[in-house]
PDB file of all heavy atoms in Angstrom:
ATOM      1  N   VAL A   1       3.776   1.118  -7.178  1.00  0.00           N
ATOM      2  CA  VAL A   1       4.660   0.157  -6.669  1.00  0.00           C
ATOM      3  C   VAL A   1       3.781  -1.115  -6.301  1.00  0.00           C
ATOM      4  O   VAL A   1       2.637  -1.030  -5.971  1.00  0.00           O
ATOM      5  CB  VAL A   1       5.393   0.645  -5.313  1.00  0.00           C
ATOM      6  CG1 VAL A   1       6.126   1.976  -5.638  1.00  0.00           C
ATOM      7  CG2 VAL A   1       4.565   0.757  -4.108  1.00  0.00           C
ATOM      8  N   SER A   2       4.648  -2.188  -6.226  1.00  0.00           N
ATOM      9  CA  SER A   2       3.997  -3.542  -5.843  1.00  0.00           C
ATOM     10  C   SER A   2       4.040  -3.530  -4.346  1.00  0.00           C
ATOM     11  O   SER A   2       5.064  -3.647  -3.661  1.00  0.00           O
ATOM     12  CB  SER A   2       4.772  -4.658  -6.337  1.00  0.00           C
ATOM     13  OG  SER A   2       4.191  -5.954  -6.134  1.00  0.00           O
ATOM     14  N   ALA A   3       2.793  -3.439  -3.692  1.00  0.00           N
ATOM     15  CA  ALA A   3       2.670  -3.170  -2.294  1.00  0.00           C
ATOM     16  C   ALA A   3       2.356  -4.364  -1.500  1.00  0.00           C
ATOM     17  O   ALA A   3       1.192  -4.870  -1.670  1.00  0.00           O
ATOM     18  CB  ALA A   3       1.624  -2.061  -2.077  1.00  0.00           C
ATOM     19  N   PRO A   4       3.182  -4.775  -0.583  1.00  0.00           N
ATOM     20  CA  PRO A   4       2.771  -5.961   0.325  1.00  0.00           C
ATOM     21  C   PRO A   4       1.690  -5.469   1.249  1.00  0.00           C
ATOM     22  O   PRO A   4       1.676  -4.260   1.767  1.00  0.00           O
ATOM     23  CB  PRO A   4       4.156  -6.026   1.192  1.00  0.00           C
ATOM     24  CG  PRO A   4       5.154  -5.659   0.187  1.00  0.00           C
ATOM     25  CD  PRO A   4       4.693  -4.404  -0.525  1.00  0.00           C
ATOM     26  N   LEU A   5       0.746  -6.262   1.438  1.00  0.00           N
ATOM     27  CA  LEU A   5      -0.489  -5.914   2.318  1.00  0.00           C
ATOM     28  C   LEU A   5      -0.744  -7.060   3.324  1.00  0.00           C
ATOM     29  O   LEU A   5      -0.316  -8.188   3.109  1.00  0.00           O
ATOM     30  CB  LEU A   5      -1.670  -5.802   1.346  1.00  0.00           C
ATOM     31  CG  LEU A   5      -1.690  -4.740   0.300  1.00  0.00           C
ATOM     32  CD1 LEU A   5      -2.984  -4.940  -0.527  1.00  0.00           C
ATOM     33  CD2 LEU A   5      -1.611  -3.364   0.888  1.00  0.00           C
ATOM     34  N   THR A   6      -1.427  -6.805   4.331  1.00  0.00           N
ATOM     35  CA  THR A   6      -2.041  -7.818   5.144  1.00  0.00           C
ATOM     36  C   THR A   6      -3.256  -8.285   4.477  1.00  0.00           C
ATOM     37  O   THR A   6      -3.823  -7.513   3.639  1.00  0.00           O
ATOM     38  CB  THR A   6      -2.325  -7.310   6.614  1.00  0.00           C
ATOM     39  OG1 THR A   6      -3.402  -6.373   6.544  1.00  0.00           O
ATOM     40  CG2 THR A   6      -1.151  -6.716   7.189  1.00  0.00           C
ATOM     41  N   TRP A   7      -3.801  -9.451   4.820  1.00  0.00           N
ATOM     42  CA  TRP A   7      -5.107  -9.843   4.272  1.00  0.00           C
ATOM     43  C   TRP A   7      -6.246  -8.989   4.697  1.00  0.00           C
ATOM     44  O   TRP A   7      -7.128  -8.725   3.871  1.00  0.00           O
ATOM     45  CB  TRP A   7      -5.339 -11.283   4.657  1.00  0.00           C
ATOM     46  CG  TRP A   7      -4.567 -12.347   3.825  1.00  0.00           C
ATOM     47  CD1 TRP A   7      -3.382 -12.866   4.292  1.00  0.00           C
ATOM     48  CD2 TRP A   7      -4.726 -12.730   2.473  1.00  0.00           C
ATOM     49  NE1 TRP A   7      -2.837 -13.714   3.253  1.00  0.00           N
ATOM     50  CE2 TRP A   7      -3.719 -13.630   2.254  1.00  0.00           C
ATOM     51  CE3 TRP A   7      -5.747 -12.538   1.575  1.00  0.00           C
ATOM     52  CZ2 TRP A   7      -3.674 -14.284   0.942  1.00  0.00           C
ATOM     53  CZ3 TRP A   7      -5.756 -13.184   0.343  1.00  0.00           C
ATOM     54  CH2 TRP A   7      -4.681 -13.982   0.047  1.00  0.00           C
ATOM     55  N   ASP A   8      -6.204  -8.469   5.791  1.00  0.00           N
ATOM     56  CA  ASP A   8      -7.335  -7.447   6.269  1.00  0.00           C
ATOM     57  C   ASP A   8      -7.208  -6.215   5.379  1.00  0.00           C
ATOM     58  O   ASP A   8      -8.169  -5.733   5.014  1.00  0.00           O
ATOM     59  CB  ASP A   8      -6.982  -7.057   7.654  1.00  0.00           C
ATOM     60  CG  ASP A   8      -7.482  -8.231   8.653  1.00  0.00           C
ATOM     61  OD1 ASP A   8      -8.126  -9.123   8.274  1.00  0.00           O
ATOM     62  OD2 ASP A   8      -7.062  -8.127   9.859  1.00  0.00           O
ATOM     63  N   GLU A   9      -5.976  -5.697   5.089  1.00  0.00           N
ATOM     64  CA  GLU A   9      -5.890  -4.560   4.230  1.00  0.00           C
ATOM     65  C   GLU A   9      -6.374  -4.769   2.838  1.00  0.00           C
ATOM     66  O   GLU A   9      -6.921  -3.922   2.190  1.00  0.00           O
ATOM     67  CB  GLU A   9      -4.418  -4.082   4.112  1.00  0.00           C
ATOM     68  CG  GLU A   9      -3.959  -3.445   5.475  1.00  0.00           C
ATOM     69  CD  GLU A   9      -2.496  -3.106   5.325  1.00  0.00           C
ATOM     70  OE1 GLU A   9      -1.709  -3.885   4.843  1.00  0.00           O
ATOM     71  OE2 GLU A   9      -2.137  -2.005   5.855  1.00  0.00           O
ATOM     72  N   LEU A  10      -6.143  -5.999   2.331  1.00  0.00           N
ATOM     73  CA  LEU A  10      -6.588  -6.275   0.901  1.00  0.00           C
ATOM     74  C   LEU A  10      -8.140  -6.075   0.687  1.00  0.00           C
ATOM     75  O   LEU A  10      -8.546  -5.716  -0.400  1.00  0.00           O
ATOM     76  CB  LEU A  10      -6.254  -7.707   0.571  1.00  0.00           C
ATOM     77  CG  LEU A  10      -6.668  -8.158  -0.856  1.00  0.00           C
ATOM     78  CD1 LEU A  10      -5.921  -7.369  -2.005  1.00  0.00           C
ATOM     79  CD2 LEU A  10      -6.416  -9.713  -0.956  1.00  0.00           C
ATOM     80  N   ALA A  11      -8.908  -6.206   1.817  1.00  0.00           N
ATOM     81  CA  ALA A  11     -10.335  -6.149   1.674  1.00  0.00           C
ATOM     82  C   ALA A  11     -10.797  -4.767   1.010  1.00  0.00           C
ATOM     83  O   ALA A  11     -11.846  -4.762   0.422  1.00  0.00           O
ATOM     84  CB  ALA A  11     -10.966  -6.353   3.031  1.00  0.00           C
ATOM     85  N   ASP A  12     -10.093  -3.753   1.364  1.00  0.00           N
ATOM     86  CA  ASP A  12     -10.477  -2.349   0.778  1.00  0.00           C
ATOM     87  C   ASP A  12      -9.406  -1.590   0.198  1.00  0.00           C
ATOM     88  O   ASP A  12      -9.443  -0.413   0.009  1.00  0.00           O
ATOM     89  CB  ASP A  12     -11.226  -1.600   1.783  1.00  0.00           C
ATOM     90  CG  ASP A  12     -10.428  -1.344   3.084  1.00  0.00           C
ATOM     91  OD1 ASP A  12      -9.239  -1.730   3.113  1.00  0.00           O
ATOM     92  OD2 ASP A  12     -10.936  -0.704   4.033  1.00  0.00           O
ATOM     93  N   ALA A  13      -8.352  -2.268  -0.163  1.00  0.00           N
ATOM     94  CA  ALA A  13      -7.065  -1.626  -0.676  1.00  0.00           C
ATOM     95  C   ALA A  13      -7.357  -1.158  -2.056  1.00  0.00           C
ATOM     96  O   ALA A  13      -8.073  -1.850  -2.881  1.00  0.00           O
ATOM     97  CB  ALA A  13      -5.897  -2.555  -0.579  1.00  0.00           C
ATOM     98  N   GLU A  14      -6.756  -0.126  -2.636  1.00  0.00           N
ATOM     99  CA  GLU A  14      -6.758   0.311  -3.909  1.00  0.00           C
ATOM    100  C   GLU A  14      -5.280   0.464  -4.452  1.00  0.00           C
ATOM    101  O   GLU A  14      -4.502   1.145  -3.793  1.00  0.00           O
ATOM    102  CB  GLU A  14      -7.475   1.581  -4.151  1.00  0.00           C
ATOM    103  CG  GLU A  14      -8.978   1.505  -3.812  1.00  0.00           C
ATOM    104  CD  GLU A  14      -9.755   0.579  -4.761  1.00  0.00           C
ATOM    105  OE1 GLU A  14      -9.290   0.413  -5.980  1.00  0.00           O
ATOM    106  OE2 GLU A  14     -10.692  -0.023  -4.328  1.00  0.00           O
ATOM    107  N   PRO A  15      -4.963  -0.201  -5.464  1.00  0.00           N
ATOM    108  CA  PRO A  15      -3.536  -0.138  -5.997  1.00  0.00           C
ATOM    109  C   PRO A  15      -2.963   1.230  -6.162  1.00  0.00           C
ATOM    110  O   PRO A  15      -1.844   1.503  -5.933  1.00  0.00           O
ATOM    111  CB  PRO A  15      -3.623  -0.821  -7.397  1.00  0.00           C
ATOM    112  CG  PRO A  15      -4.773  -1.793  -7.327  1.00  0.00           C
ATOM    113  CD  PRO A  15      -5.788  -1.015  -6.452  1.00  0.00           C
ATOM    114  N   GLY A  16      -3.815   2.190  -6.556  1.00  0.00           N
ATOM    115  CA  GLY A  16      -3.323   3.582  -6.800  1.00  0.00           C
ATOM    116  C   GLY A  16      -2.914   4.189  -5.508  1.00  0.00           C
ATOM    117  O   GLY A  16      -2.284   5.392  -5.581  1.00  0.00           O
ATOM    118  N   ASP A  17      -3.238   3.711  -4.332  1.00  0.00           N
ATOM    119  CA  ASP A  17      -2.820   4.345  -3.050  1.00  0.00           C
ATOM    120  C   ASP A  17      -1.330   4.155  -2.774  1.00  0.00           C
ATOM    121  O   ASP A  17      -0.790   4.792  -1.842  1.00  0.00           O
ATOM    122  CB  ASP A  17      -3.671   3.675  -1.975  1.00  0.00           C
ATOM    123  CG  ASP A  17      -5.092   4.140  -2.010  1.00  0.00           C
ATOM    124  OD1 ASP A  17      -5.375   5.144  -2.779  1.00  0.00           O
ATOM    125  OD2 ASP A  17      -5.898   3.426  -1.434  1.00  0.00           O
ATOM    126  N   PHE A  18      -0.666   3.246  -3.521  1.00  0.00           N
ATOM    127  CA  PHE A  18       0.681   2.965  -3.198  1.00  0.00           C
ATOM    128  C   PHE A  18       1.648   3.341  -4.305  1.00  0.00           C
ATOM    129  O   PHE A  18       1.551   2.678  -5.380  1.00  0.00           O
ATOM    130  CB  PHE A  18       0.768   1.369  -2.917  1.00  0.00           C
ATOM    131  CG  PHE A  18      -0.206   0.902  -1.880  1.00  0.00           C
ATOM    132  CD1 PHE A  18      -1.357   0.220  -2.416  1.00  0.00           C
ATOM    133  CD2 PHE A  18      -0.139   1.188  -0.574  1.00  0.00           C
ATOM    134  CE1 PHE A  18      -2.335  -0.196  -1.504  1.00  0.00           C
ATOM    135  CE2 PHE A  18      -1.049   0.786   0.403  1.00  0.00           C
ATOM    136  CZ  PHE A  18      -2.188   0.010  -0.132  1.00  0.00           C
ATOM    137  N   ASP A  19       2.432   4.281  -4.099  1.00  0.00           N
ATOM    138  CA  ASP A  19       3.362   4.725  -5.137  1.00  0.00           C
ATOM    139  C   ASP A  19       4.680   5.165  -4.585  1.00  0.00           C
ATOM    140  O   ASP A  19       4.859   4.988  -3.412  1.00  0.00           O
ATOM    141  CB  ASP A  19       2.771   5.930  -6.016  1.00  0.00           C
ATOM    142  CG  ASP A  19       2.416   7.087  -5.148  1.00  0.00           C
ATOM    143  OD1 ASP A  19       3.125   7.445  -4.270  1.00  0.00           O
ATOM    144  OD2 ASP A  19       1.327   7.661  -5.391  1.00  0.00           O
ATOM    145  N   ILE A  20       5.600   5.610  -5.427  1.00  0.00           N
ATOM    146  CA  ILE A  20       6.959   5.965  -5.052  1.00  0.00           C
ATOM    147  C   ILE A  20       6.987   7.014  -3.902  1.00  0.00           C
ATOM    148  O   ILE A  20       7.986   7.121  -3.208  1.00  0.00           O
ATOM    149  CB  ILE A  20       7.693   6.383  -6.246  1.00  0.00           C
ATOM    150  CG1 ILE A  20       9.251   6.301  -6.057  1.00  0.00           C
ATOM    151  CG2 ILE A  20       7.294   7.701  -6.801  1.00  0.00           C
ATOM    152  CD1 ILE A  20      10.051   6.544  -7.286  1.00  0.00           C
ATOM    153  N   ARG A  21       5.926   7.810  -3.782  1.00  0.00           N
ATOM    154  CA  ARG A  21       5.914   8.946  -2.777  1.00  0.00           C
ATOM    155  C   ARG A  21       5.127   8.571  -1.549  1.00  0.00           C
ATOM    156  O   ARG A  21       5.332   9.123  -0.486  1.00  0.00           O
ATOM    157  CB  ARG A  21       5.457  10.226  -3.391  1.00  0.00           C
ATOM    158  CG  ARG A  21       6.435  10.776  -4.397  1.00  0.00           C
ATOM    159  CD  ARG A  21       5.920  11.985  -5.091  1.00  0.00           C
ATOM    160  NE  ARG A  21       7.083  12.634  -5.857  1.00  0.00           N
ATOM    161  CZ  ARG A  21       6.851  13.384  -6.891  1.00  0.00           C
ATOM    162  NH1 ARG A  21       5.598  13.835  -7.181  1.00  0.00           N
ATOM    163  NH2 ARG A  21       7.843  13.907  -7.529  1.00  0.00           N
ATOM    164  N   THR A  22       4.154   7.776  -1.682  1.00  0.00           N
ATOM    165  CA  THR A  22       3.338   7.355  -0.482  1.00  0.00           C
ATOM    166  C   THR A  22       3.912   6.138   0.283  1.00  0.00           C
ATOM    167  O   THR A  22       3.651   6.072   1.580  1.00  0.00           O
ATOM    168  CB  THR A  22       1.848   6.949  -0.779  1.00  0.00           C
ATOM    169  OG1 THR A  22       1.817   5.884  -1.725  1.00  0.00           O
ATOM    170  CG2 THR A  22       1.238   8.208  -1.546  1.00  0.00           C
ATOM    171  N   MET A  23       4.558   5.176  -0.365  1.00  0.00           N
ATOM    172  CA  MET A  23       5.025   3.973   0.198  1.00  0.00           C
ATOM    173  C   MET A  23       6.116   4.296   1.338  1.00  0.00           C
ATOM    174  O   MET A  23       6.087   3.640   2.383  1.00  0.00           O
ATOM    175  CB  MET A  23       5.560   2.993  -0.748  1.00  0.00           C
ATOM    176  CG  MET A  23       6.051   1.671  -0.187  1.00  0.00           C
ATOM    177  SD  MET A  23       4.829   0.772   0.844  1.00  0.00           S
ATOM    178  CE  MET A  23       3.869   0.037  -0.436  1.00  0.00           C
ATOM    179  N   PRO A  24       7.062   5.261   1.089  1.00  0.00           N
ATOM    180  CA  PRO A  24       7.999   5.387   2.185  1.00  0.00           C
ATOM    181  C   PRO A  24       7.472   5.871   3.581  1.00  0.00           C
ATOM    182  O   PRO A  24       7.854   5.379   4.575  1.00  0.00           O
ATOM    183  CB  PRO A  24       8.859   6.543   1.583  1.00  0.00           C
ATOM    184  CG  PRO A  24       8.846   6.324   0.071  1.00  0.00           C
ATOM    185  CD  PRO A  24       7.395   5.951  -0.158  1.00  0.00           C
ATOM    186  N   GLU A  25       6.340   6.719   3.500  1.00  0.00           N
ATOM    187  CA  GLU A  25       5.769   7.127   4.720  1.00  0.00           C
ATOM    188  C   GLU A  25       5.032   5.926   5.366  1.00  0.00           C
ATOM    189  O   GLU A  25       5.096   5.621   6.562  1.00  0.00           O
ATOM    190  CB  GLU A  25       4.773   8.216   4.435  1.00  0.00           C
ATOM    191  CG  GLU A  25       4.041   8.655   5.723  1.00  0.00           C
ATOM    192  CD  GLU A  25       3.091   9.840   5.475  1.00  0.00           C
ATOM    193  OE1 GLU A  25       2.903  10.239   4.323  1.00  0.00           O
ATOM    194  OE2 GLU A  25       2.447  10.323   6.420  1.00  0.00           O
ATOM    195  N   ARG A  26       4.387   5.126   4.589  1.00  0.00           N
ATOM    196  CA  ARG A  26       3.669   3.887   5.105  1.00  0.00           C
ATOM    197  C   ARG A  26       4.828   2.957   5.698  1.00  0.00           C
ATOM    198  O   ARG A  26       4.502   2.449   6.818  1.00  0.00           O
ATOM    199  CB  ARG A  26       2.869   3.245   3.877  1.00  0.00           C
ATOM    200  CG  ARG A  26       2.434   1.811   4.332  1.00  0.00           C
ATOM    201  CD  ARG A  26       1.798   1.044   3.106  1.00  0.00           C
ATOM    202  NE  ARG A  26       1.696  -0.359   3.312  1.00  0.00           N
ATOM    203  CZ  ARG A  26       0.783  -0.907   3.885  1.00  0.00           C
ATOM    204  NH1 ARG A  26      -0.248  -0.288   4.477  1.00  0.00           N
ATOM    205  NH2 ARG A  26       0.640  -2.341   3.957  1.00  0.00           N
ATOM    206  N   PHE A  27       5.830   2.726   4.987  1.00  0.00           N
ATOM    207  CA  PHE A  27       6.822   1.844   5.536  1.00  0.00           C
ATOM    208  C   PHE A  27       7.465   2.415   6.894  1.00  0.00           C
ATOM    209  O   PHE A  27       7.710   1.616   7.726  1.00  0.00           O
ATOM    210  CB  PHE A  27       7.982   1.684   4.524  1.00  0.00           C
ATOM    211  CG  PHE A  27       8.873   0.584   4.771  1.00  0.00           C
ATOM    212  CD1 PHE A  27       8.555  -0.706   4.254  1.00  0.00           C
ATOM    213  CD2 PHE A  27      10.028   0.764   5.433  1.00  0.00           C
ATOM    214  CE1 PHE A  27       9.411  -1.793   4.516  1.00  0.00           C
ATOM    215  CE2 PHE A  27      10.893  -0.393   5.713  1.00  0.00           C
ATOM    216  CZ  PHE A  27      10.583  -1.522   5.260  1.00  0.00           C
ATOM    217  N   ALA A  28       7.600   3.652   6.934  1.00  0.00           N
ATOM    218  CA  ALA A  28       8.129   4.223   8.228  1.00  0.00           C
ATOM    219  C   ALA A  28       7.208   4.024   9.330  1.00  0.00           C
ATOM    220  O   ALA A  28       7.665   3.878  10.478  1.00  0.00           O
ATOM    221  CB  ALA A  28       8.448   5.807   7.961  1.00  0.00           C
TER     222      ALA A  28
END
């Protein structure tokens, strides 16, 4: 998924960490 991030998170984020199954938990 296209994942909104903070600028601090962008520093070490990996696109593969955000998908249809992980994003709902993050959002909650």
